[in-house]
Amino acid sequence: MSKCMVCGDEFDPQYKAQRLCQSCLDKFTKRYWDWDAYRKQGYTRRPTCIVCDKPMMSGFSVCPDCRDVWKKIYYQIVRPKTIIQARNRMKRTRDKAIEAAVESRLRTGLDDDIAAARKAGLSYGAYMVRKKGLVR
């Protein structure tokens, strides 16, 4: 059991570094994506703090008192996305390596001879006879 760093409730973490309970994680994730959409519309600052909802007179999205807490919350929001991206990247590189290994295993001297025969415009048998020097 872990303790939520925002509300203090006990919860079962889904991964070792999880510091927010699911309700707080959902709440801050929604606030973050709402703010992100708001920011993309051309607004440069948020009227209230993302963490404590106090009105802000200056600054951006987080008040100075909540800045350190927000860094940890932001990490908790973005972490699952980065894990998924890393897993997908590893899977792609592994798939490429497997594909290259299979292709190199399947490519033999026979394949090279067949490709050369096609390039020369001959059948495989006629190409091999000429290659061995049996017919000129």
N, C-alpha and C. Protein backbone atom coordinates (compact mmCIF):
# COMPACT_ATOMS: atom_id res chain seq x y z
N MET A 1 0.85 -1.18 0.00
CA MET A 1 0.00 0.00 0.00
C MET A 1 0.89 1.25 0.00
N SER A 2 0.51 2.20 -0.80
CA SER A 2 1.21 3.48 -0.86
C SER A 2 0.26 4.59 -0.46
N LYS A 3 0.84 5.73 -0.14
CA LYS A 3 0.05 6.88 0.26
C LYS A 3 0.09 7.92 -0.85
N CYS A 4 -1.08 8.43 -1.23
CA CYS A 4 -1.17 9.43 -2.30
C CYS A 4 -0.49 10.72 -1.83
N MET A 5 0.34 11.32 -2.69
CA MET A 5 1.07 12.53 -2.31
C MET A 5 0.19 13.77 -2.32
N VAL A 6 -1.03 13.70 -2.87
CA VAL A 6 -1.91 14.85 -2.91
C VAL A 6 -2.97 14.78 -1.81
N CYS A 7 -3.75 13.69 -1.80
CA CYS A 7 -4.88 13.62 -0.86
C CYS A 7 -4.54 12.82 0.40
N GLY A 8 -3.49 12.00 0.37
CA GLY A 8 -3.08 11.25 1.55
C GLY A 8 -3.77 9.91 1.71
N ASP A 9 -4.65 9.51 0.78
CA ASP A 9 -5.34 8.22 0.87
C ASP A 9 -4.37 7.08 0.56
N GLU A 10 -4.67 5.91 1.12
CA GLU A 10 -3.89 4.71 0.83
C GLU A 10 -4.43 4.08 -0.46
N PHE A 11 -3.54 3.55 -1.30
CA PHE A 11 -3.96 2.90 -2.55
C PHE A 11 -2.94 1.84 -2.93
N ASP A 12 -3.38 0.90 -3.79
CA ASP A 12 -2.49 -0.13 -4.32
C ASP A 12 -1.89 0.38 -5.63
N PRO A 13 -0.57 0.59 -5.67
CA PRO A 13 0.04 1.13 -6.90
C PRO A 13 0.02 0.10 -8.03
N GLN A 14 -0.19 0.59 -9.25
CA GLN A 14 -0.17 -0.29 -10.41
C GLN A 14 1.26 -0.53 -10.90
N TYR A 15 2.16 0.39 -10.58
CA TYR A 15 3.58 0.23 -10.89
C TYR A 15 4.38 0.82 -9.74
N LYS A 16 5.63 0.48 -9.67
CA LYS A 16 6.45 0.80 -8.49
C LYS A 16 6.58 2.29 -8.20
N ALA A 17 6.65 3.11 -9.24
CA ALA A 17 6.89 4.54 -9.04
C ALA A 17 5.61 5.36 -8.92
N GLN A 18 4.45 4.71 -8.85
CA GLN A 18 3.20 5.45 -8.79
C GLN A 18 3.06 6.15 -7.44
N ARG A 19 2.77 7.46 -7.48
CA ARG A 19 2.66 8.26 -6.26
C ARG A 19 1.27 8.86 -6.07
N LEU A 20 0.39 8.74 -7.07
CA LEU A 20 -0.95 9.30 -6.99
C LEU A 20 -1.98 8.18 -7.01
N CYS A 21 -3.05 8.35 -6.21
CA CYS A 21 -4.15 7.39 -6.28
C CYS A 21 -4.87 7.61 -7.61
N GLN A 22 -5.71 6.66 -7.99
CA GLN A 22 -6.34 6.72 -9.31
C GLN A 22 -7.26 7.94 -9.46
N SER A 23 -7.99 8.31 -8.38
CA SER A 23 -8.88 9.47 -8.49
C SER A 23 -8.10 10.76 -8.69
N CYS A 24 -7.00 10.95 -7.95
CA CYS A 24 -6.17 12.15 -8.14
C CYS A 24 -5.51 12.14 -9.51
N LEU A 25 -5.05 10.98 -9.93
CA LEU A 25 -4.42 10.86 -11.25
C LEU A 25 -5.41 11.24 -12.35
N ASP A 26 -6.64 10.75 -12.24
CA ASP A 26 -7.67 11.09 -13.22
C ASP A 26 -7.97 12.59 -13.20
N LYS A 27 -8.07 13.14 -12.00
CA LYS A 27 -8.39 14.56 -11.86
C LYS A 27 -7.32 15.44 -12.50
N PHE A 28 -6.06 15.17 -12.18
CA PHE A 28 -4.97 15.99 -12.72
C PHE A 28 -4.72 15.73 -14.20
N THR A 29 -4.97 14.51 -14.63
CA THR A 29 -4.83 14.22 -16.06
C THR A 29 -5.87 15.02 -16.85
N LYS A 30 -7.10 15.05 -16.37
CA LYS A 30 -8.15 15.83 -17.04
C LYS A 30 -7.80 17.32 -17.04
N ARG A 31 -7.34 17.83 -15.90
CA ARG A 31 -6.96 19.24 -15.84
C ARG A 31 -5.83 19.55 -16.81
N TYR A 32 -4.85 18.66 -16.87
CA TYR A 32 -3.71 18.88 -17.75
C TYR A 32 -4.14 18.89 -19.21
N TRP A 33 -4.93 17.91 -19.66
CA TRP A 33 -5.32 17.85 -21.06
C TRP A 33 -6.30 18.97 -21.41
N ASP A 34 -7.15 19.39 -20.46
CA ASP A 34 -8.01 20.55 -20.70
C ASP A 34 -7.16 21.80 -20.89
N TRP A 35 -6.13 21.95 -20.03
CA TRP A 35 -5.24 23.10 -20.15
C TRP A 35 -4.45 23.03 -21.46
N ASP A 36 -4.05 21.85 -21.87
CA ASP A 36 -3.30 21.69 -23.12
C ASP A 36 -4.16 22.11 -24.31
N ALA A 37 -5.42 21.73 -24.31
CA ALA A 37 -6.33 22.14 -25.38
C ALA A 37 -6.54 23.66 -25.35
N TYR A 38 -6.67 24.21 -24.16
CA TYR A 38 -6.85 25.65 -23.97
C TYR A 38 -5.62 26.41 -24.49
N ARG A 39 -4.45 25.88 -24.20
CA ARG A 39 -3.19 26.49 -24.63
C ARG A 39 -3.06 26.46 -26.15
N LYS A 40 -3.51 25.37 -26.77
CA LYS A 40 -3.42 25.25 -28.22
C LYS A 40 -4.35 26.21 -28.95
N GLN A 41 -5.33 26.74 -28.24
CA GLN A 41 -6.23 27.73 -28.84
C GLN A 41 -5.58 29.11 -28.87
N GLY A 42 -4.41 29.26 -28.26
CA GLY A 42 -3.68 30.51 -28.32
C GLY A 42 -3.56 31.23 -26.99
N TYR A 43 -4.13 30.69 -25.92
CA TYR A 43 -4.02 31.32 -24.61
C TYR A 43 -2.68 30.95 -24.00
N THR A 44 -2.01 31.93 -23.39
CA THR A 44 -0.67 31.68 -22.87
C THR A 44 -0.64 31.39 -21.38
N ARG A 45 -1.67 31.77 -20.66
CA ARG A 45 -1.63 31.49 -19.22
C ARG A 45 -2.99 31.03 -18.75
N ARG A 46 -2.96 30.27 -17.70
CA ARG A 46 -4.16 29.68 -17.10
C ARG A 46 -4.65 30.62 -16.01
N PRO A 47 -5.98 30.81 -15.87
CA PRO A 47 -6.50 31.72 -14.84
C PRO A 47 -6.33 31.20 -13.41
N THR A 48 -6.27 29.87 -13.23
CA THR A 48 -6.07 29.30 -11.88
C THR A 48 -4.94 28.28 -11.93
N CYS A 49 -4.39 28.00 -10.78
CA CYS A 49 -3.32 27.01 -10.65
C CYS A 49 -3.89 25.61 -10.94
N ILE A 50 -3.16 24.80 -11.67
CA ILE A 50 -3.60 23.44 -11.97
C ILE A 50 -3.72 22.61 -10.70
N VAL A 51 -2.81 22.81 -9.76
CA VAL A 51 -2.76 21.96 -8.57
C VAL A 51 -3.76 22.40 -7.51
N CYS A 52 -3.73 23.69 -7.11
CA CYS A 52 -4.53 24.12 -5.95
C CYS A 52 -5.76 24.95 -6.31
N ASP A 53 -5.94 25.28 -7.57
CA ASP A 53 -7.08 26.08 -8.07
C ASP A 53 -7.14 27.50 -7.49
N LYS A 54 -6.05 28.02 -6.98
CA LYS A 54 -6.02 29.42 -6.54
C LYS A 54 -5.95 30.31 -7.76
N PRO A 55 -6.59 31.47 -7.74
CA PRO A 55 -6.48 32.37 -8.89
C PRO A 55 -5.04 32.87 -9.04
N MET A 56 -4.62 33.00 -10.28
CA MET A 56 -3.25 33.43 -10.54
C MET A 56 -3.26 34.79 -11.20
N MET A 57 -2.45 35.69 -10.70
CA MET A 57 -2.35 37.03 -11.28
C MET A 57 -1.26 37.08 -12.34
N SER A 58 -0.22 36.31 -12.18
CA SER A 58 0.86 36.28 -13.15
C SER A 58 1.42 34.87 -13.21
N GLY A 59 2.27 34.62 -14.17
CA GLY A 59 2.85 33.29 -14.29
C GLY A 59 2.12 32.47 -15.34
N PHE A 60 2.32 31.19 -15.29
CA PHE A 60 1.77 30.34 -16.34
C PHE A 60 0.68 29.44 -15.78
N SER A 61 0.94 28.18 -15.57
CA SER A 61 -0.13 27.26 -15.19
C SER A 61 -0.07 26.80 -13.74
N VAL A 62 1.03 27.09 -13.05
CA VAL A 62 1.21 26.61 -11.68
C VAL A 62 1.73 27.75 -10.81
N CYS A 63 1.17 27.86 -9.61
CA CYS A 63 1.65 28.90 -8.70
C CYS A 63 3.01 28.49 -8.13
N PRO A 64 3.80 29.43 -7.66
CA PRO A 64 5.15 29.10 -7.16
C PRO A 64 5.14 28.10 -6.00
N ASP A 65 4.10 28.10 -5.19
CA ASP A 65 4.04 27.17 -4.06
C ASP A 65 3.85 25.72 -4.53
N CYS A 66 3.21 25.54 -5.65
CA CYS A 66 2.88 24.19 -6.12
C CYS A 66 3.84 23.67 -7.19
N ARG A 67 4.84 24.45 -7.53
CA ARG A 67 5.70 24.08 -8.65
C ARG A 67 6.38 22.73 -8.45
N ASP A 68 6.93 22.46 -7.26
CA ASP A 68 7.61 21.18 -7.01
C ASP A 68 6.63 20.01 -7.04
N VAL A 69 5.45 20.22 -6.49
CA VAL A 69 4.43 19.16 -6.50
C VAL A 69 3.99 18.90 -7.94
N TRP A 70 3.83 19.97 -8.72
CA TRP A 70 3.40 19.81 -10.11
C TRP A 70 4.40 19.02 -10.93
N LYS A 71 5.69 19.18 -10.68
CA LYS A 71 6.69 18.40 -11.42
C LYS A 71 6.48 16.91 -11.20
N LYS A 72 6.19 16.52 -9.96
CA LYS A 72 5.95 15.11 -9.65
C LYS A 72 4.64 14.62 -10.26
N ILE A 73 3.61 15.47 -10.20
CA ILE A 73 2.31 15.10 -10.77
C ILE A 73 2.43 14.95 -12.28
N TYR A 74 3.11 15.89 -12.92
CA TYR A 74 3.29 15.85 -14.37
C TYR A 74 4.00 14.56 -14.78
N TYR A 75 5.01 14.17 -14.02
CA TYR A 75 5.71 12.92 -14.30
C TYR A 75 4.75 11.74 -14.22
N GLN A 76 3.87 11.76 -13.22
CA GLN A 76 2.90 10.67 -13.07
C GLN A 76 1.90 10.64 -14.23
N ILE A 77 1.56 11.81 -14.75
CA ILE A 77 0.61 11.87 -15.87
C ILE A 77 1.26 11.37 -17.16
N VAL A 78 2.48 11.79 -17.42
CA VAL A 78 3.13 11.52 -18.69
C VAL A 78 3.83 10.16 -18.71
N ARG A 79 4.19 9.62 -17.56
CA ARG A 79 4.97 8.39 -17.48
C ARG A 79 4.36 7.21 -18.24
N PRO A 80 3.06 6.90 -18.07
CA PRO A 80 2.53 5.76 -18.81
C PRO A 80 2.65 5.92 -20.33
N LYS A 81 2.50 7.13 -20.83
CA LYS A 81 2.62 7.37 -22.26
C LYS A 81 4.05 7.11 -22.73
N THR A 82 5.04 7.56 -21.94
CA THR A 82 6.43 7.34 -22.34
C THR A 82 6.80 5.87 -22.25
N ILE A 83 6.22 5.15 -21.29
CA ILE A 83 6.48 3.71 -21.19
C ILE A 83 5.95 2.99 -22.43
N ILE A 84 4.74 3.36 -22.84
CA ILE A 84 4.15 2.73 -24.03
C ILE A 84 4.98 3.05 -25.26
N GLN A 85 5.44 4.30 -25.39
CA GLN A 85 6.27 4.67 -26.53
C GLN A 85 7.58 3.88 -26.53
N ALA A 86 8.18 3.74 -25.36
CA ALA A 86 9.44 2.99 -25.27
C ALA A 86 9.24 1.53 -25.63
N ARG A 87 8.15 0.94 -25.13
CA ARG A 87 7.86 -0.47 -25.47
C ARG A 87 7.63 -0.63 -26.96
N ASN A 88 6.90 0.29 -27.57
CA ASN A 88 6.66 0.21 -29.01
C ASN A 88 7.95 0.36 -29.80
N ARG A 89 8.82 1.28 -29.35
CA ARG A 89 10.10 1.48 -30.02
C ARG A 89 10.95 0.22 -29.91
N MET A 90 10.98 -0.40 -28.74
CA MET A 90 11.75 -1.64 -28.56
C MET A 90 11.17 -2.75 -29.43
N LYS A 91 9.85 -2.82 -29.50
CA LYS A 91 9.20 -3.85 -30.30
C LYS A 91 9.54 -3.66 -31.78
N ARG A 92 9.52 -2.40 -32.26
CA ARG A 92 9.85 -2.14 -33.66
C ARG A 92 11.29 -2.55 -33.97
N THR A 93 12.23 -2.19 -33.09
CA THR A 93 13.63 -2.54 -33.34
C THR A 93 13.83 -4.06 -33.28
N ARG A 94 13.13 -4.72 -32.35
CA ARG A 94 13.23 -6.18 -32.25
C ARG A 94 12.65 -6.83 -33.49
N ASP A 95 11.51 -6.32 -33.98
CA ASP A 95 10.90 -6.87 -35.18
C ASP A 95 11.80 -6.69 -36.40
N LYS A 96 12.45 -5.52 -36.50
CA LYS A 96 13.37 -5.28 -37.61
C LYS A 96 14.56 -6.23 -37.55
N ALA A 97 15.07 -6.46 -36.35
CA ALA A 97 16.22 -7.35 -36.19
C ALA A 97 15.82 -8.79 -36.55
N ILE A 98 14.64 -9.22 -36.12
CA ILE A 98 14.17 -10.57 -36.44
C ILE A 98 13.96 -10.71 -37.94
N GLU A 99 13.37 -9.69 -38.54
CA GLU A 99 13.13 -9.71 -39.99
C GLU A 99 14.44 -9.80 -40.76
N ALA A 100 15.43 -9.03 -40.34
CA ALA A 100 16.73 -9.07 -41.01
C ALA A 100 17.40 -10.42 -40.83
N ALA A 101 17.28 -11.01 -39.63
CA ALA A 101 17.89 -12.32 -39.38
C ALA A 101 17.22 -13.40 -40.23
N VAL A 102 15.90 -13.35 -40.31
CA VAL A 102 15.18 -14.34 -41.11
C VAL A 102 15.53 -14.18 -42.58
N GLU A 103 15.59 -12.94 -43.04
CA GLU A 103 15.91 -12.69 -44.44
C GLU A 103 17.32 -13.17 -44.77
N SER A 104 18.27 -12.96 -43.86
CA SER A 104 19.64 -13.40 -44.12
C SER A 104 19.74 -14.93 -44.07
N ARG A 105 18.94 -15.56 -43.22
CA ARG A 105 18.95 -17.02 -43.17
C ARG A 105 18.34 -17.61 -44.43
N LEU A 106 17.31 -16.97 -44.95
CA LEU A 106 16.66 -17.50 -46.14
C LEU A 106 17.46 -17.23 -47.40
N ARG A 107 18.30 -16.23 -47.37
CA ARG A 107 19.10 -15.88 -48.53
C ARG A 107 20.31 -16.79 -48.56
N THR A 108 20.36 -17.66 -49.52
CA THR A 108 21.49 -18.59 -49.64
C THR A 108 22.16 -18.40 -50.99
N GLY A 109 23.14 -19.24 -51.27
CA GLY A 109 23.81 -19.20 -52.56
C GLY A 109 22.87 -19.55 -53.70
N LEU A 110 21.93 -20.43 -53.42
CA LEU A 110 20.94 -20.81 -54.42
C LEU A 110 20.10 -19.60 -54.83
N ASP A 111 19.71 -18.81 -53.85
CA ASP A 111 18.93 -17.60 -54.15
C ASP A 111 19.73 -16.63 -55.01
N ASP A 112 21.01 -16.51 -54.71
CA ASP A 112 21.86 -15.62 -55.51
C ASP A 112 21.96 -16.11 -56.95
N ASP A 113 22.09 -17.43 -57.13
CA ASP A 113 22.16 -17.99 -58.48
C ASP A 113 20.85 -17.79 -59.22
N ILE A 114 19.73 -17.97 -58.55
CA ILE A 114 18.42 -17.77 -59.19
C ILE A 114 18.25 -16.32 -59.60
N ALA A 115 18.64 -15.39 -58.73
CA ALA A 115 18.53 -13.96 -59.05
C ALA A 115 19.43 -13.60 -60.22
N ALA A 116 20.66 -14.15 -60.25
CA ALA A 116 21.57 -13.87 -61.36
C ALA A 116 21.04 -14.45 -62.67
N ALA A 117 20.41 -15.63 -62.62
CA ALA A 117 19.84 -16.25 -63.82
C ALA A 117 18.70 -15.39 -64.35
N ARG A 118 17.86 -14.89 -63.48
CA ARG A 118 16.77 -14.02 -63.92
C ARG A 118 17.31 -12.73 -64.53
N LYS A 119 18.36 -12.21 -63.91
CA LYS A 119 18.96 -10.98 -64.42
C LYS A 119 19.55 -11.19 -65.82
N ALA A 120 20.12 -12.37 -66.03
CA ALA A 120 20.71 -12.69 -67.34
C ALA A 120 19.64 -13.08 -68.36
N GLY A 121 18.41 -13.33 -67.91
CA GLY A 121 17.32 -13.70 -68.82
C GLY A 121 17.34 -15.17 -69.19
N LEU A 122 17.93 -15.98 -68.33
CA LEU A 122 18.02 -17.42 -68.58
C LEU A 122 17.27 -18.19 -67.52
N SER A 123 16.99 -19.45 -67.84
CA SER A 123 16.43 -20.31 -66.80
C SER A 123 17.56 -20.69 -65.85
N TYR A 124 17.19 -21.20 -64.70
CA TYR A 124 18.19 -21.56 -63.71
C TYR A 124 19.12 -22.64 -64.25
N GLY A 125 18.55 -23.66 -64.92
CA GLY A 125 19.36 -24.76 -65.45
C GLY A 125 20.36 -24.27 -66.49
N ALA A 126 19.89 -23.45 -67.43
CA ALA A 126 20.78 -22.94 -68.48
C ALA A 126 21.87 -22.06 -67.88
N TYR A 127 21.51 -21.27 -66.88
CA TYR A 127 22.50 -20.40 -66.24
C TYR A 127 23.58 -21.24 -65.55
N MET A 128 23.17 -22.29 -64.84
CA MET A 128 24.14 -23.12 -64.11
C MET A 128 25.08 -23.85 -65.08
N VAL A 129 24.53 -24.28 -66.21
CA VAL A 129 25.37 -24.96 -67.20
C VAL A 129 26.43 -24.00 -67.73
N ARG A 130 26.03 -22.76 -68.04
CA ARG A 130 27.00 -21.77 -68.51
C ARG A 130 27.98 -21.38 -67.42
N LYS A 131 27.49 -21.30 -66.19
CA LYS A 131 28.37 -20.93 -65.07
C LYS A 131 29.44 -21.99 -64.85
N LYS A 132 29.07 -23.26 -64.95
CA LYS A 132 30.03 -24.35 -64.73
C LYS A 132 31.00 -24.49 -65.92
N GLY A 133 30.63 -23.89 -67.03
CA GLY A 133 31.52 -23.96 -68.20
C GLY A 133 31.32 -25.19 -69.04
N LEU A 134 30.18 -25.85 -68.90
CA LEU A 134 29.94 -27.06 -69.68
C LEU A 134 29.58 -26.73 -71.13
N VAL A 135 28.94 -25.60 -71.34
CA VAL A 135 28.55 -25.18 -72.69
C VAL A 135 29.06 -23.77 -72.89
N ARG A 136 29.56 -23.50 -74.09
CA ARG A 136 30.04 -22.15 -74.36
C ARG A 136 29.08 -21.39 -75.17
